């Protein structure tokens, strides 16, 4: 499945990667797989929000190999 990253996550991991997501896999499992292979970004990834088809989803959301996940890191500013 295609996984997209923005902001600091894109800087640490890259803009886009492919992740194997077997049937019945959840967003949380994809998050853990990415964190395991990109340890330097694990803390940022843990605090990020996830979108599928422009809709915010939780870690318990099932995913399909055809889905495109987007991880949005927390933002701050003034």
N, C-alpha and C. Protein backbone atom coordinates (compact mmCIF):
# COMPACT_ATOMS: atom_id res chain seq x y z
N UNK A 1 0.84 -1.17 0.00
CA UNK A 1 0.00 0.00 0.00
C UNK A 1 0.88 1.23 0.00
N UNK A 2 0.38 2.30 -0.59
CA UNK A 2 1.11 3.55 -0.64
C UNK A 2 0.86 4.31 0.66
N UNK A 3 1.96 4.80 1.26
CA UNK A 3 1.88 5.58 2.48
C UNK A 3 2.59 6.90 2.22
N UNK A 4 1.89 8.00 2.46
CA UNK A 4 2.43 9.34 2.23
C UNK A 4 2.70 10.04 3.56
N UNK A 5 3.74 10.86 3.56
CA UNK A 5 4.14 11.61 4.75
C UNK A 5 4.29 13.08 4.41
N UNK A 6 4.07 13.92 5.42
CA UNK A 6 4.16 15.36 5.25
C UNK A 6 5.04 15.95 6.35
N UNK A 7 5.52 17.16 6.12
CA UNK A 7 6.27 17.89 7.13
C UNK A 7 7.50 17.15 7.61
N UNK A 8 7.68 17.14 8.93
CA UNK A 8 8.86 16.50 9.53
C UNK A 8 8.92 15.02 9.24
N UNK A 9 7.76 14.37 9.09
CA UNK A 9 7.77 12.95 8.75
C UNK A 9 8.34 12.73 7.35
N UNK A 10 7.98 13.58 6.41
CA UNK A 10 8.53 13.46 5.06
C UNK A 10 10.03 13.71 5.07
N UNK A 11 10.49 14.64 5.91
CA UNK A 11 11.92 14.90 6.02
C UNK A 11 12.66 13.68 6.56
N UNK A 12 12.07 12.99 7.51
CA UNK A 12 12.73 11.84 8.16
C UNK A 12 12.59 10.54 7.39
N UNK A 13 11.45 10.33 6.73
CA UNK A 13 11.16 9.04 6.10
C UNK A 13 11.21 9.13 4.58
N UNK A 14 10.78 10.25 4.05
CA UNK A 14 10.60 10.41 2.61
C UNK A 14 9.14 10.74 2.36
N UNK A 15 8.87 11.25 1.20
CA UNK A 15 7.51 11.70 0.87
C UNK A 15 6.53 10.54 0.73
N UNK A 16 7.02 9.40 0.23
CA UNK A 16 6.14 8.27 -0.07
C UNK A 16 6.92 6.96 0.02
N UNK A 17 6.29 5.95 0.63
CA UNK A 17 6.87 4.61 0.65
C UNK A 17 5.77 3.59 0.38
N UNK A 18 6.16 2.39 0.07
CA UNK A 18 5.23 1.27 -0.07
C UNK A 18 5.38 0.39 1.17
N UNK A 19 4.26 -0.03 1.73
CA UNK A 19 4.25 -0.89 2.92
C UNK A 19 3.36 -2.08 2.64
N UNK A 20 3.86 -3.29 2.94
CA UNK A 20 3.03 -4.49 2.79
C UNK A 20 1.97 -4.48 3.88
N UNK A 21 0.73 -4.63 3.48
CA UNK A 21 -0.39 -4.62 4.42
C UNK A 21 -1.27 -5.83 4.14
N UNK A 22 -1.04 -6.92 4.86
CA UNK A 22 -1.85 -8.12 4.63
C UNK A 22 -3.31 -7.88 5.00
N UNK A 23 -4.20 -8.71 4.47
CA UNK A 23 -5.62 -8.60 4.77
C UNK A 23 -5.88 -8.55 6.25
N UNK A 24 -6.79 -7.69 6.66
CA UNK A 24 -7.13 -7.56 8.07
C UNK A 24 -6.20 -6.65 8.85
N UNK A 25 -5.23 -6.05 8.19
CA UNK A 25 -4.28 -5.15 8.82
C UNK A 25 -5.00 -3.86 9.20
N UNK A 26 -4.55 -3.21 10.28
CA UNK A 26 -5.15 -1.95 10.72
C UNK A 26 -4.17 -0.80 10.50
N UNK A 27 -4.68 0.41 10.62
CA UNK A 27 -3.84 1.60 10.54
C UNK A 27 -2.73 1.51 11.58
N UNK A 28 -3.08 1.08 12.79
CA UNK A 28 -2.09 0.97 13.85
C UNK A 28 -0.96 0.00 13.50
N UNK A 29 -1.30 -1.10 12.84
CA UNK A 29 -0.27 -2.05 12.42
C UNK A 29 0.64 -1.44 11.37
N UNK A 30 0.08 -0.70 10.44
CA UNK A 30 0.90 -0.01 9.43
C UNK A 30 1.81 1.00 10.13
N UNK A 31 1.27 1.76 11.07
CA UNK A 31 2.05 2.73 11.83
C UNK A 31 3.23 2.04 12.53
N UNK A 32 2.98 0.88 13.16
CA UNK A 32 4.04 0.16 13.86
C UNK A 32 5.10 -0.37 12.89
N UNK A 33 4.68 -0.84 11.73
CA UNK A 33 5.63 -1.32 10.72
C UNK A 33 6.55 -0.20 10.25
N UNK A 34 5.96 0.96 9.98
CA UNK A 34 6.77 2.09 9.53
C UNK A 34 7.72 2.54 10.65
N UNK A 35 7.22 2.61 11.88
CA UNK A 35 8.06 3.02 13.01
C UNK A 35 9.21 2.04 13.23
N UNK A 36 8.96 0.76 13.04
CA UNK A 36 10.01 -0.24 13.23
C UNK A 36 11.12 -0.09 12.20
N UNK A 37 10.77 0.31 10.99
CA UNK A 37 11.79 0.44 9.96
C UNK A 37 12.37 1.86 9.85
N UNK A 38 11.79 2.80 10.56
CA UNK A 38 12.26 4.20 10.55
C UNK A 38 12.26 4.72 11.99
N UNK A 39 13.08 4.12 12.81
CA UNK A 39 13.11 4.39 14.25
C UNK A 39 13.27 5.85 14.62
N UNK A 40 14.03 6.60 13.83
CA UNK A 40 14.26 8.01 14.15
C UNK A 40 12.97 8.82 14.08
N UNK A 41 11.99 8.34 13.34
CA UNK A 41 10.72 9.06 13.19
C UNK A 41 9.61 8.47 14.05
N UNK A 42 9.91 7.46 14.86
CA UNK A 42 8.88 6.73 15.60
C UNK A 42 8.06 7.63 16.52
N UNK A 43 8.71 8.51 17.27
CA UNK A 43 7.98 9.38 18.21
C UNK A 43 7.05 10.33 17.46
N UNK A 44 7.55 10.91 16.37
CA UNK A 44 6.74 11.82 15.56
C UNK A 44 5.58 11.08 14.91
N UNK A 45 5.85 9.88 14.45
CA UNK A 45 4.82 9.06 13.82
C UNK A 45 3.73 8.70 14.82
N UNK A 46 4.12 8.44 16.05
CA UNK A 46 3.17 8.08 17.09
C UNK A 46 2.18 9.21 17.39
N UNK A 47 2.62 10.46 17.21
CA UNK A 47 1.75 11.62 17.49
C UNK A 47 0.99 12.11 16.26
N UNK A 48 1.18 11.47 15.13
CA UNK A 48 0.58 11.95 13.89
C UNK A 48 -0.86 11.49 13.73
N UNK A 49 -1.60 12.19 12.89
CA UNK A 49 -2.97 11.82 12.52
C UNK A 49 -2.90 11.05 11.21
N UNK A 50 -3.91 10.24 10.94
CA UNK A 50 -3.92 9.42 9.74
C UNK A 50 -5.18 9.67 8.93
N UNK A 51 -5.01 9.75 7.63
CA UNK A 51 -6.13 9.92 6.70
C UNK A 51 -6.15 8.77 5.71
N UNK A 52 -7.35 8.35 5.37
CA UNK A 52 -7.59 7.45 4.24
C UNK A 52 -8.69 8.12 3.43
N UNK A 53 -8.43 8.33 2.15
CA UNK A 53 -9.41 8.98 1.27
C UNK A 53 -9.88 10.32 1.85
N UNK A 54 -8.93 11.12 2.33
CA UNK A 54 -9.22 12.46 2.88
C UNK A 54 -10.12 12.43 4.11
N UNK A 55 -10.14 11.32 4.82
CA UNK A 55 -10.97 11.18 6.03
C UNK A 55 -10.08 10.75 7.19
N UNK A 56 -10.15 11.48 8.30
CA UNK A 56 -9.39 11.10 9.49
C UNK A 56 -9.87 9.75 10.00
N UNK A 57 -8.92 8.88 10.31
CA UNK A 57 -9.25 7.55 10.82
C UNK A 57 -8.38 7.24 12.03
N UNK A 58 -8.86 6.33 12.86
CA UNK A 58 -8.13 5.90 14.04
C UNK A 58 -7.27 4.68 13.75
N UNK A 59 -6.45 4.31 14.72
CA UNK A 59 -5.55 3.18 14.56
C UNK A 59 -6.27 1.84 14.40
N UNK A 60 -7.53 1.77 14.82
CA UNK A 60 -8.27 0.51 14.70
C UNK A 60 -8.93 0.34 13.33
N UNK A 61 -8.82 1.36 12.47
CA UNK A 61 -9.43 1.30 11.13
C UNK A 61 -8.75 0.22 10.28
N UNK A 62 -9.51 -0.74 9.76
CA UNK A 62 -8.92 -1.73 8.85
C UNK A 62 -8.49 -1.06 7.55
N UNK A 63 -7.43 -1.58 6.97
CA UNK A 63 -6.95 -1.04 5.69
C UNK A 63 -6.93 -2.14 4.65
N UNK A 64 -6.94 -1.69 3.42
CA UNK A 64 -6.90 -2.58 2.27
C UNK A 64 -5.63 -2.24 1.49
N UNK A 65 -5.08 -3.21 0.81
CA UNK A 65 -3.86 -2.99 0.02
C UNK A 65 -4.03 -1.85 -0.97
N UNK A 66 -5.25 -1.59 -1.43
CA UNK A 66 -5.51 -0.53 -2.40
C UNK A 66 -5.63 0.86 -1.76
N UNK A 67 -5.72 0.92 -0.42
CA UNK A 67 -5.84 2.21 0.26
C UNK A 67 -4.54 3.00 0.15
N UNK A 68 -4.68 4.31 0.29
CA UNK A 68 -3.53 5.20 0.37
C UNK A 68 -3.62 5.90 1.72
N UNK A 69 -2.65 5.65 2.59
CA UNK A 69 -2.62 6.26 3.91
C UNK A 69 -1.79 7.52 3.86
N UNK A 70 -2.20 8.52 4.63
CA UNK A 70 -1.44 9.75 4.76
C UNK A 70 -1.24 10.02 6.26
N UNK A 71 0.01 10.22 6.65
CA UNK A 71 0.33 10.53 8.03
C UNK A 71 0.69 12.02 8.13
N UNK A 72 -0.05 12.73 8.98
CA UNK A 72 0.13 14.17 9.17
C UNK A 72 0.73 14.42 10.54
N UNK A 73 1.93 14.96 10.62
CA UNK A 73 2.53 15.23 11.93
C UNK A 73 1.82 16.39 12.60
N UNK A 74 1.94 16.49 13.93
CA UNK A 74 1.36 17.64 14.62
C UNK A 74 2.04 18.93 14.13
N UNK A 75 1.29 19.99 14.10
CA UNK A 75 1.85 21.27 13.66
C UNK A 75 1.66 22.30 14.77
N UNK A 76 2.53 23.28 14.77
CA UNK A 76 2.40 24.39 15.70
C UNK A 76 2.86 25.64 14.98
N UNK A 77 2.53 26.73 15.52
CA UNK A 77 2.94 27.98 14.87
C UNK A 77 2.22 29.16 15.48
N UNK A 78 2.48 30.27 14.93
CA UNK A 78 1.86 31.45 15.49
C UNK A 78 1.35 32.36 14.45
